[in-house]
Amino acid sequence: ISSNYYRVVVINFEESLQDQTNQQLSDDRSNLSYEWLKKQLNQQFKH
């Protein structure tokens, strides 16, 4: 949308050595993080 305020927040999840060596686990965490963030978006951050 048109605005005079834009700000980027980069979000990462804490990865253990197991996460880094297990692609399935890392993908699952990533997908669930996105689902959770999307669910919270409308409640906390308008636009």
All heavy atoms as atom14 arrays in JSON, in Angstrom:
{
  "sequence": "ISSNYYRVVVINFEESLQDQTNQQLSDDRSNLSYEWLKKQLNQQFKH",
  "atom14_mask": [
    [1, 1, 1, 1, 1, 1, 1, 1, 0, 0, 0, 0, 0, 0],
    [1, 1, 1, 1, 1, 1, 0, 0, 0, 0, 0, 0, 0, 0],
    [1, 1, 1, 1, 1, 1, 0, 0, 0, 0, 0, 0, 0, 0],
    [1, 1, 1, 1, 1, 1, 1, 1, 0, 0, 0, 0, 0, 0],
    [1, 1, 1, 1, 1, 1, 1, 1, 1, 1, 1, 1, 0, 0],
    [1, 1, 1, 1, 1, 1, 1, 1, 1, 1, 1, 1, 0, 0],
    [1, 1, 1, 1, 1, 1, 1, 1, 1, 1, 1, 0, 0, 0],
    [1, 1, 1, 1, 1, 1, 1, 0, 0, 0, 0, 0, 0, 0],
    [1, 1, 1, 1, 1, 1, 1, 0, 0, 0, 0, 0, 0, 0],
    [1, 1, 1, 1, 1, 1, 1, 0, 0, 0, 0, 0, 0, 0],
    [1, 1, 1, 1, 1, 1, 1, 1, 0, 0, 0, 0, 0, 0],
    [1, 1, 1, 1, 1, 1, 1, 1, 0, 0, 0, 0, 0, 0],
    [1, 1, 1, 1, 1, 1, 1, 1, 1, 1, 1, 0, 0, 0],
    [1, 1, 1, 1, 1, 1, 1, 1, 1, 0, 0, 0, 0, 0],
    [1, 1, 1, 1, 1, 1, 1, 1, 1, 0, 0, 0, 0, 0],
    [1, 1, 1, 1, 1, 1, 0, 0, 0, 0, 0, 0, 0, 0],
    [1, 1, 1, 1, 1, 1, 1, 1, 0, 0, 0, 0, 0, 0],
    [1, 1, 1, 1, 1, 1, 1, 1, 1, 0, 0, 0, 0, 0],
    [1, 1, 1, 1, 1, 1, 1, 1, 0, 0, 0, 0, 0, 0],
    [1, 1, 1, 1, 1, 1, 1, 1, 1, 0, 0, 0, 0, 0],
    [1, 1, 1, 1, 1, 1, 1, 0, 0, 0, 0, 0, 0, 0],
    [1, 1, 1, 1, 1, 1, 1, 1, 0, 0, 0, 0, 0, 0],
    [1, 1, 1, 1, 1, 1, 1, 1, 1, 0, 0, 0, 0, 0],
    [1, 1, 1, 1, 1, 1, 1, 1, 1, 0, 0, 0, 0, 0],
    [1, 1, 1, 1, 1, 1, 1, 1, 0, 0, 0, 0, 0, 0],
    [1, 1, 1, 1, 1, 1, 0, 0, 0, 0, 0, 0, 0, 0],
    [1, 1, 1, 1, 1, 1, 1, 1, 0, 0, 0, 0, 0, 0],
    [1, 1, 1, 1, 1, 1, 1, 1, 0, 0, 0, 0, 0, 0],
    [1, 1, 1, 1, 1, 1, 1, 1, 1, 1, 1, 0, 0, 0],
    [1, 1, 1, 1, 1, 1, 0, 0, 0, 0, 0, 0, 0, 0],
    [1, 1, 1, 1, 1, 1, 1, 1, 0, 0, 0, 0, 0, 0],
    [1, 1, 1, 1, 1, 1, 1, 1, 0, 0, 0, 0, 0, 0],
    [1, 1, 1, 1, 1, 1, 0, 0, 0, 0, 0, 0, 0, 0],
    [1, 1, 1, 1, 1, 1, 1, 1, 1, 1, 1, 1, 0, 0],
    [1, 1, 1, 1, 1, 1, 1, 1, 1, 0, 0, 0, 0, 0],
    [1, 1, 1, 1, 1, 1, 1, 1, 1, 1, 1, 1, 1, 1],
    [1, 1, 1, 1, 1, 1, 1, 1, 0, 0, 0, 0, 0, 0],
    [1, 1, 1, 1, 1, 1, 1, 1, 1, 0, 0, 0, 0, 0],
    [1, 1, 1, 1, 1, 1, 1, 1, 1, 0, 0, 0, 0, 0],
    [1, 1, 1, 1, 1, 1, 1, 1, 1, 0, 0, 0, 0, 0],
    [1, 1, 1, 1, 1, 1, 1, 1, 0, 0, 0, 0, 0, 0],
    [1, 1, 1, 1, 1, 1, 1, 1, 0, 0, 0, 0, 0, 0],
    [1, 1, 1, 1, 1, 1, 1, 1, 1, 0, 0, 0, 0, 0],
    [1, 1, 1, 1, 1, 1, 1, 1, 1, 0, 0, 0, 0, 0],
    [1, 1, 1, 1, 1, 1, 1, 1, 1, 1, 1, 0, 0, 0],
    [1, 1, 1, 1, 1, 1, 1, 1, 1, 0, 0, 0, 0, 0],
    [1, 1, 1, 1, 1, 1, 1, 1, 1, 1, 0, 0, 0, 0]
  ],
  "atom14_positions": [
    [[0.85, -1.2, 0.0], [0.0, 0.0, 0.0], [0.89, 1.26, 0.0], [2.09, 1.19, 0.29], [-0.93, 0.05, 1.23], [-0.09, 0.13, 2.52], [-1.86, -1.15, 1.26], [-0.91, 0.4, 3.77], [0.0, 0.0, 0.0], [0.0, 0.0, 0.0], [0.0, 0.0, 0.0], [0.0, 0.0, 0.0], [0.0, 0.0, 0.0], [0.0, 0.0, 0.0]],
    [[0.27, 2.38, -0.33], [0.99, 3.66, -0.31], [1.16, 4.11, 1.14], [0.2, 4.19, 1.9], [0.2, 4.71, -1.1], [0.84, 5.96, -1.03], [0.0, 0.0, 0.0], [0.0, 0.0, 0.0], [0.0, 0.0, 0.0], [0.0, 0.0, 0.0], [0.0, 0.0, 0.0], [0.0, 0.0, 0.0], [0.0, 0.0, 0.0], [0.0, 0.0, 0.0]],
    [[2.4, 4.42, 1.52], [2.68, 4.82, 2.89], [4.0, 5.58, 2.91], [4.79, 5.5, 1.97], [2.77, 3.58, 3.79], [3.15, 3.93, 5.1], [0.0, 0.0, 0.0], [0.0, 0.0, 0.0], [0.0, 0.0, 0.0], [0.0, 0.0, 0.0], [0.0, 0.0, 0.0], [0.0, 0.0, 0.0], [0.0, 0.0, 0.0], [0.0, 0.0, 0.0]],
    [[4.21, 6.34, 3.96], [5.52, 7.0, 4.14], [6.32, 6.28, 5.23], [7.29, 6.83, 5.77], [5.34, 8.47, 4.5], [4.56, 8.66, 5.79], [4.13, 7.69, 6.42], [4.34, 9.91, 6.18], [0.0, 0.0, 0.0], [0.0, 0.0, 0.0], [0.0, 0.0, 0.0], [0.0, 0.0, 0.0], [0.0, 0.0, 0.0], [0.0, 0.0, 0.0]],
    [[5.89, 5.05, 5.56], [6.58, 4.26, 6.57], [6.64, 2.8, 6.11], [5.62, 2.15, 5.91], [5.84, 4.34, 7.91], [6.49, 3.53, 9.03], [7.32, 4.14, 9.95], [6.26, 2.16, 9.15], [7.9, 3.42, 10.99], [6.85, 1.42, 10.17], [7.66, 2.06, 11.08], [8.25, 1.32, 12.08], [0.0, 0.0, 0.0], [0.0, 0.0, 0.0]],
    [[7.83, 2.3, 5.92], [8.06, 0.88, 5.62], [9.23, 0.43, 6.49], [10.21, 1.15, 6.67], [8.41, 0.66, 4.15], [7.33, 1.09, 3.18], [7.37, 2.34, 2.59], [6.28, 0.24, 2.84], [6.39, 2.75, 1.7], [5.29, 0.63, 1.96], [5.35, 1.89, 1.39], [4.37, 2.29, 0.51], [0.0, 0.0, 0.0], [0.0, 0.0, 0.0]],
    [[9.11, -0.79, 7.01], [10.2, -1.3, 7.85], [10.23, -2.82, 7.74], [9.19, -3.48, 7.79], [9.98, -0.89, 9.31], [11.2, -1.1, 10.19], [10.97, -0.49, 11.55], [12.23, -0.26, 12.26], [12.33, 0.3, 13.46], [11.23, 0.71, 14.07], [13.5, 0.49, 14.02], [0.0, 0.0, 0.0], [0.0, 0.0, 0.0], [0.0, 0.0, 0.0]],
    [[11.44, -3.37, 7.6], [11.59, -4.82, 7.41], [12.08, -5.46, 8.7], [13.04, -4.99, 9.32], [12.57, -5.13, 6.26], [12.81, -6.64, 6.17], [12.02, -4.6, 4.95], [0.0, 0.0, 0.0], [0.0, 0.0, 0.0], [0.0, 0.0, 0.0], [0.0, 0.0, 0.0], [0.0, 0.0, 0.0], [0.0, 0.0, 0.0], [0.0, 0.0, 0.0]],
    [[11.39, -6.54, 9.09], [11.82, -7.37, 10.21], [12.16, -8.75, 9.64], [11.29, -9.44, 9.1], [10.71, -7.52, 11.27], [11.18, -8.4, 12.43], [10.26, -6.16, 11.77], [0.0, 0.0, 0.0], [0.0, 0.0, 0.0], [0.0, 0.0, 0.0], [0.0, 0.0, 0.0], [0.0, 0.0, 0.0], [0.0, 0.0, 0.0], [0.0, 0.0, 0.0]],
    [[13.43, -9.15, 9.71], [13.84, -10.47, 9.26], [13.68, -11.45, 10.41], [14.13, -11.19, 11.53], [15.29, -10.47, 8.74], [15.77, -11.9, 8.47], [15.4, -9.65, 7.47], [0.0, 0.0, 0.0], [0.0, 0.0, 0.0], [0.0, 0.0, 0.0], [0.0, 0.0, 0.0], [0.0, 0.0, 0.0], [0.0, 0.0, 0.0], [0.0, 0.0, 0.0]],
    [[13.0, -12.57, 10.14], [12.67, -13.54, 11.19], [13.37, -14.86, 10.87], [13.25, -15.39, 9.77], [11.15, -13.77, 11.27], [10.42, -12.42, 11.45], [10.81, -14.73, 12.39], [8.93, -12.5, 11.27], [0.0, 0.0, 0.0], [0.0, 0.0, 0.0], [0.0, 0.0, 0.0], [0.0, 0.0, 0.0], [0.0, 0.0, 0.0], [0.0, 0.0, 0.0]],
    [[14.1, -15.37, 11.82], [14.72, -16.69, 11.65], [14.43, -17.54, 12.87], [14.11, -17.03, 13.94], [16.24, -16.57, 11.45], [16.95, -16.1, 12.71], [16.68, -15.02, 13.22], [17.85, -16.92, 13.23], [0.0, 0.0, 0.0], [0.0, 0.0, 0.0], [0.0, 0.0, 0.0], [0.0, 0.0, 0.0], [0.0, 0.0, 0.0], [0.0, 0.0, 0.0]],
    [[14.48, -18.88, 12.7], [14.31, -19.74, 13.86], [15.66, -20.35, 14.21], [16.52, -20.56, 13.36], [13.26, -20.84, 13.63], [13.53, -21.74, 12.46], [14.36, -22.84, 12.57], [12.92, -21.5, 11.23], [14.6, -23.68, 11.49], [13.15, -22.32, 10.15], [13.99, -23.43, 10.28], [0.0, 0.0, 0.0], [0.0, 0.0, 0.0], [0.0, 0.0, 0.0]],
    [[15.82, -20.6, 15.49], [17.09, -21.1, 16.02], [17.31, -22.51, 15.52], [16.49, -23.41, 15.76], [17.03, -21.07, 17.54], [18.38, -21.15, 18.22], [18.24, -20.84, 19.71], [17.99, -19.67, 20.07], [18.35, -21.79, 20.49], [0.0, 0.0, 0.0], [0.0, 0.0, 0.0], [0.0, 0.0, 0.0], [0.0, 0.0, 0.0], [0.0, 0.0, 0.0]],
    [[18.41, -22.73, 14.82], [18.7, -24.04, 14.25], [19.8, -24.73, 15.04], [20.87, -24.17, 15.24], [19.13, -23.92, 12.79], [18.01, -23.51, 11.85], [18.43, -23.59, 10.4], [19.09, -22.65, 9.93], [18.09, -24.59, 9.75], [0.0, 0.0, 0.0], [0.0, 0.0, 0.0], [0.0, 0.0, 0.0], [0.0, 0.0, 0.0], [0.0, 0.0, 0.0]],
    [[19.52, -25.97, 15.44], [20.54, -26.79, 16.07], [21.33, -27.51, 14.99], [21.01, -27.42, 13.8], [19.89, -27.82, 17.01], [19.09, -28.71, 16.24], [0.0, 0.0, 0.0], [0.0, 0.0, 0.0], [0.0, 0.0, 0.0], [0.0, 0.0, 0.0], [0.0, 0.0, 0.0], [0.0, 0.0, 0.0], [0.0, 0.0, 0.0], [0.0, 0.0, 0.0]],
    [[22.35, -28.24, 15.39], [23.14, -29.01, 14.43], [22.25, -30.05, 13.75], [22.4, -30.33, 12.56], [24.3, -29.71, 15.15], [25.26, -30.5, 14.26], [25.91, -29.58, 13.22], [26.32, -31.19, 15.1], [0.0, 0.0, 0.0], [0.0, 0.0, 0.0], [0.0, 0.0, 0.0], [0.0, 0.0, 0.0], [0.0, 0.0, 0.0], [0.0, 0.0, 0.0]],
    [[21.27, -30.6, 14.5], [20.35, -31.57, 13.91], [19.52, -30.94, 12.82], [19.28, -31.54, 11.78], [19.44, -32.14, 15.01], [18.47, -33.22, 14.48], [17.48, -33.68, 15.54], [17.37, -33.07, 16.6], [16.76, -34.74, 15.26], [0.0, 0.0, 0.0], [0.0, 0.0, 0.0], [0.0, 0.0, 0.0], [0.0, 0.0, 0.0], [0.0, 0.0, 0.0]],
    [[19.06, -29.69, 13.05], [18.28, -28.99, 12.03], [19.09, -28.83, 10.75], [18.6, -29.03, 9.65], [17.87, -27.59, 12.53], [16.9, -27.66, 13.68], [16.14, -28.63, 13.75], [16.91, -26.76, 14.52], [0.0, 0.0, 0.0], [0.0, 0.0, 0.0], [0.0, 0.0, 0.0], [0.0, 0.0, 0.0], [0.0, 0.0, 0.0], [0.0, 0.0, 0.0]],
    [[20.36, -28.43, 10.91], [21.19, -28.11, 9.76], [21.51, -29.35, 8.94], [21.75, -29.26, 7.74], [22.48, -27.43, 10.23], [22.22, -26.09, 10.91], [23.44, -25.56, 11.63], [24.51, -26.15, 11.56], [23.29, -24.44, 12.32], [0.0, 0.0, 0.0], [0.0, 0.0, 0.0], [0.0, 0.0, 0.0], [0.0, 0.0, 0.0], [0.0, 0.0, 0.0]],
    [[21.54, -30.52, 9.58], [21.87, -31.75, 8.86], [20.64, -32.54, 8.45], [20.75, -33.55, 7.77], [22.77, -32.64, 9.74], [22.1, -32.91, 10.98], [24.09, -31.95, 10.01], [0.0, 0.0, 0.0], [0.0, 0.0, 0.0], [0.0, 0.0, 0.0], [0.0, 0.0, 0.0], [0.0, 0.0, 0.0], [0.0, 0.0, 0.0], [0.0, 0.0, 0.0]],
    [[19.46, -32.12, 8.88], [18.22, -32.84, 8.55], [17.3, -31.89, 7.8], [16.64, -31.04, 8.39], [17.55, -33.34, 9.84], [16.41, -34.29, 9.55], [15.59, -34.06, 8.66], [16.36, -35.38, 10.29], [0.0, 0.0, 0.0], [0.0, 0.0, 0.0], [0.0, 0.0, 0.0], [0.0, 0.0, 0.0], [0.0, 0.0, 0.0], [0.0, 0.0, 0.0]],
    [[17.24, -32.05, 6.48], [16.47, -31.14, 5.64], [14.99, -31.19, 5.96], [14.3, -30.17, 5.97], [16.7, -31.47, 4.17], [16.09, -30.48, 3.19], [16.71, -29.1, 3.31], [17.91, -28.97, 3.52], [15.9, -28.07, 3.17], [0.0, 0.0, 0.0], [0.0, 0.0, 0.0], [0.0, 0.0, 0.0], [0.0, 0.0, 0.0], [0.0, 0.0, 0.0]],
    [[14.46, -32.41, 6.24], [13.03, -32.56, 6.53], [12.65, -31.79, 7.79], [11.64, -31.08, 7.82], [12.69, -34.04, 6.71], [11.21, -34.32, 7.05], [10.27, -33.96, 5.93], [10.48, -34.35, 4.79], [9.22, -33.21, 6.24], [0.0, 0.0, 0.0], [0.0, 0.0, 0.0], [0.0, 0.0, 0.0], [0.0, 0.0, 0.0], [0.0, 0.0, 0.0]],
    [[13.47, -31.92, 8.83], [13.19, -31.21, 10.09], [13.25, -29.7, 9.87], [12.39, -28.95, 10.36], [14.19, -31.64, 11.16], [14.1, -30.93, 12.51], [12.71, -31.08, 13.11], [15.16, -31.46, 13.47], [0.0, 0.0, 0.0], [0.0, 0.0, 0.0], [0.0, 0.0, 0.0], [0.0, 0.0, 0.0], [0.0, 0.0, 0.0], [0.0, 0.0, 0.0]],
    [[14.25, -29.25, 9.12], [14.41, -27.82, 8.87], [13.22, -27.29, 8.06], [12.69, -26.21, 8.35], [15.72, -27.56, 8.12], [16.0, -26.19, 8.07], [0.0, 0.0, 0.0], [0.0, 0.0, 0.0], [0.0, 0.0, 0.0], [0.0, 0.0, 0.0], [0.0, 0.0, 0.0], [0.0, 0.0, 0.0], [0.0, 0.0, 0.0], [0.0, 0.0, 0.0]],
    [[12.78, -28.05, 7.06], [11.63, -27.64, 6.24], [10.36, -27.58, 7.09], [9.55, -26.66, 6.94], [11.43, -28.6, 5.07], [12.51, -28.45, 4.01], [13.23, -27.43, 4.03], [12.64, -29.35, 3.16], [0.0, 0.0, 0.0], [0.0, 0.0, 0.0], [0.0, 0.0, 0.0], [0.0, 0.0, 0.0], [0.0, 0.0, 0.0], [0.0, 0.0, 0.0]],
    [[10.18, -28.58, 7.97], [8.99, -28.61, 8.82], [8.96, -27.39, 9.74], [7.92, -26.74, 9.91], [8.97, -29.89, 9.67], [8.56, -31.1, 8.86], [8.15, -30.92, 7.7], [8.66, -32.23, 9.38], [0.0, 0.0, 0.0], [0.0, 0.0, 0.0], [0.0, 0.0, 0.0], [0.0, 0.0, 0.0], [0.0, 0.0, 0.0], [0.0, 0.0, 0.0]],
    [[10.09, -27.08, 10.34], [10.15, -25.91, 11.23], [9.84, -24.64, 10.45], [9.13, -23.75, 10.93], [11.54, -25.81, 11.87], [11.83, -26.85, 12.93], [13.17, -26.56, 13.58], [13.59, -27.62, 14.47], [13.23, -27.74, 15.74], [12.41, -26.86, 16.26], [13.67, -28.74, 16.49], [0.0, 0.0, 0.0], [0.0, 0.0, 0.0], [0.0, 0.0, 0.0]],
    [[10.38, -24.55, 9.24], [10.16, -23.36, 8.42], [8.68, -23.21, 8.06], [8.1, -22.13, 8.2], [11.01, -23.44, 7.15], [10.81, -22.31, 6.34], [0.0, 0.0, 0.0], [0.0, 0.0, 0.0], [0.0, 0.0, 0.0], [0.0, 0.0, 0.0], [0.0, 0.0, 0.0], [0.0, 0.0, 0.0], [0.0, 0.0, 0.0], [0.0, 0.0, 0.0]],
    [[8.06, -24.3, 7.61], [6.65, -24.25, 7.22], [5.76, -23.88, 8.41], [4.83, -23.07, 8.28], [6.2, -25.6, 6.65], [6.85, -25.9, 5.31], [7.23, -24.99, 4.58], [6.97, -27.17, 4.98], [0.0, 0.0, 0.0], [0.0, 0.0, 0.0], [0.0, 0.0, 0.0], [0.0, 0.0, 0.0], [0.0, 0.0, 0.0], [0.0, 0.0, 0.0]],
    [[6.05, -24.47, 9.57], [5.22, -24.19, 10.75], [5.45, -22.77, 11.27], [4.52, -22.13, 11.76], [5.52, -25.21, 11.84], [5.04, -26.64, 11.52], [5.54, -27.62, 12.55], [3.52, -26.69, 11.45], [0.0, 0.0, 0.0], [0.0, 0.0, 0.0], [0.0, 0.0, 0.0], [0.0, 0.0, 0.0], [0.0, 0.0, 0.0], [0.0, 0.0, 0.0]],
    [[6.69, -22.3, 11.16], [6.97, -20.91, 11.56], [6.14, -19.96, 10.71], [5.54, -19.0, 11.2], [8.46, -20.59, 11.4], [9.24, -21.38, 12.26], [0.0, 0.0, 0.0], [0.0, 0.0, 0.0], [0.0, 0.0, 0.0], [0.0, 0.0, 0.0], [0.0, 0.0, 0.0], [0.0, 0.0, 0.0], [0.0, 0.0, 0.0], [0.0, 0.0, 0.0]],
    [[6.09, -20.22, 9.4], [5.33, -19.36, 8.5], [3.84, -19.4, 8.86], [3.17, -18.36, 8.9], [5.53, -19.79, 7.05], [4.77, -18.93, 6.07], [5.28, -17.71, 5.64], [3.51, -19.32, 5.6], [4.58, -16.9, 4.77], [2.8, -18.51, 4.73], [3.34, -17.31, 4.31], [2.62, -16.52, 3.46], [0.0, 0.0, 0.0], [0.0, 0.0, 0.0]],
    [[3.31, -20.62, 9.1], [1.89, -20.73, 9.44], [1.57, -19.96, 10.71], [0.54, -19.3, 10.8], [1.51, -22.22, 9.6], [1.47, -23.0, 8.32], [0.44, -22.44, 7.35], [-0.67, -22.08, 7.78], [0.75, -22.35, 6.14], [0.0, 0.0, 0.0], [0.0, 0.0, 0.0], [0.0, 0.0, 0.0], [0.0, 0.0, 0.0], [0.0, 0.0, 0.0]],
    [[2.45, -20.07, 11.7], [2.21, -19.37, 12.96], [2.27, -17.86, 12.77], [1.42, -17.12, 13.28], [3.23, -19.81, 14.0], [3.05, -19.15, 15.33], [3.74, -18.1, 15.85], [2.07, -19.48, 16.32], [3.28, -17.76, 17.09], [2.25, -18.6, 17.41], [1.08, -20.45, 16.41], [1.47, -18.65, 18.56], [0.29, -20.49, 17.55], [0.49, -19.61, 18.6]],
    [[3.27, -17.39, 12.05], [3.44, -15.95, 11.82], [2.25, -15.4, 11.03], [1.74, -14.31, 11.33], [4.74, -15.68, 11.08], [6.02, -15.93, 11.9], [7.23, -15.97, 10.98], [6.19, -14.86, 12.96], [0.0, 0.0, 0.0], [0.0, 0.0, 0.0], [0.0, 0.0, 0.0], [0.0, 0.0, 0.0], [0.0, 0.0, 0.0], [0.0, 0.0, 0.0]],
    [[1.81, -16.13, 10.03], [0.68, -15.69, 9.22], [-0.59, -15.59, 10.08], [-1.38, -14.65, 9.94], [0.44, -16.68, 8.07], [-0.64, -16.25, 7.09], [-0.76, -17.23, 5.93], [-1.3, -18.56, 6.4], [-1.61, -19.47, 5.27], [0.0, 0.0, 0.0], [0.0, 0.0, 0.0], [0.0, 0.0, 0.0], [0.0, 0.0, 0.0], [0.0, 0.0, 0.0]],
    [[-0.75, -16.55, 10.99], [-1.91, -16.54, 11.87], [-1.9, -15.32, 12.79], [-2.95, -14.74, 13.09], [-1.9, -17.83, 12.7], [-3.05, -17.96, 13.68], [-2.93, -19.26, 14.44], [-4.04, -19.39, 15.48], [-3.91, -20.62, 16.28], [0.0, 0.0, 0.0], [0.0, 0.0, 0.0], [0.0, 0.0, 0.0], [0.0, 0.0, 0.0], [0.0, 0.0, 0.0]],
    [[-0.7, -14.9, 13.24], [-0.59, -13.78, 14.16], [-0.62, -12.42, 13.47], [-0.84, -11.4, 14.11], [0.73, -13.88, 14.95], [0.9, -15.18, 15.71], [-0.18, -15.42, 16.73], [-0.52, -14.53, 17.49], [-0.75, -16.62, 16.75], [0.0, 0.0, 0.0], [0.0, 0.0, 0.0], [0.0, 0.0, 0.0], [0.0, 0.0, 0.0], [0.0, 0.0, 0.0]],
    [[-0.39, -12.42, 12.16], [-0.18, -11.17, 11.42], [-1.35, -10.2, 11.56], [-1.18, -9.04, 11.95], [0.07, -11.49, 9.94], [0.8, -10.43, 9.13], [2.17, -10.19, 9.71], [0.92, -10.88, 7.69], [0.0, 0.0, 0.0], [0.0, 0.0, 0.0], [0.0, 0.0, 0.0], [0.0, 0.0, 0.0], [0.0, 0.0, 0.0], [0.0, 0.0, 0.0]],
    [[-2.54, -10.69, 11.25], [-3.72, -9.81, 11.26], [-4.05, -9.32, 12.67], [-4.62, -8.24, 12.85], [-4.92, -10.53, 10.66], [-4.74, -10.77, 9.17], [-4.02, -10.04, 8.5], [-5.38, -11.81, 8.65], [0.0, 0.0, 0.0], [0.0, 0.0, 0.0], [0.0, 0.0, 0.0], [0.0, 0.0, 0.0], [0.0, 0.0, 0.0], [0.0, 0.0, 0.0]],
    [[-3.69, -10.14, 13.68], [-4.01, -9.76, 15.05], [-3.08, -8.66, 15.56], [-3.49, -7.8, 16.35], [-3.88, -10.98, 15.96], [-4.8, -12.13, 15.58], [-4.56, -13.36, 16.44], [-3.94, -13.29, 17.5], [-5.04, -14.5, 15.99], [0.0, 0.0, 0.0], [0.0, 0.0, 0.0], [0.0, 0.0, 0.0], [0.0, 0.0, 0.0], [0.0, 0.0, 0.0]],
    [[-1.83, -8.66, 15.12], [-0.83, -7.77, 15.72], [-0.4, -6.61, 14.81], [-0.06, -5.54, 15.31], [0.42, -8.59, 16.09], [0.16, -9.73, 17.05], [-0.17, -9.26, 18.45], [-0.13, -8.07, 18.75], [-0.52, -10.18, 19.33], [0.0, 0.0, 0.0], [0.0, 0.0, 0.0], [0.0, 0.0, 0.0], [0.0, 0.0, 0.0], [0.0, 0.0, 0.0]],
    [[-0.4, -6.8, 13.49], [0.18, -5.81, 12.59], [-0.77, -5.49, 11.44], [-0.9, -6.26, 10.48], [1.51, -6.31, 12.02], [2.48, -6.75, 13.07], [2.82, -8.08, 13.2], [3.04, -5.84, 13.95], [3.7, -8.5, 14.16], [3.93, -6.25, 14.93], [4.25, -7.58, 15.03], [0.0, 0.0, 0.0], [0.0, 0.0, 0.0], [0.0, 0.0, 0.0]],
    [[-1.43, -4.34, 11.52], [-2.31, -3.91, 10.45], [-1.47, -3.58, 9.22], [-0.48, -2.87, 9.3], [-3.12, -2.69, 10.89], [-4.17, -2.28, 9.88], [-5.0, -1.1, 10.41], [-6.08, -0.73, 9.41], [-6.89, 0.41, 9.91], [0.0, 0.0, 0.0], [0.0, 0.0, 0.0], [0.0, 0.0, 0.0], [0.0, 0.0, 0.0], [0.0, 0.0, 0.0]],
    [[-1.86, -4.14, 8.09], [-1.17, -3.97, 6.81], [0.24, -4.59, 6.81], [1.04, -4.29, 5.92], [-1.06, -2.49, 6.43], [-2.38, -1.8, 6.28], [-3.33, -2.21, 5.37], [-2.92, -0.73, 6.96], [-4.39, -1.42, 5.47], [-4.17, -0.53, 6.43], [0.0, 0.0, 0.0], [0.0, 0.0, 0.0], [0.0, 0.0, 0.0], [0.0, 0.0, 0.0]]
  ]
}
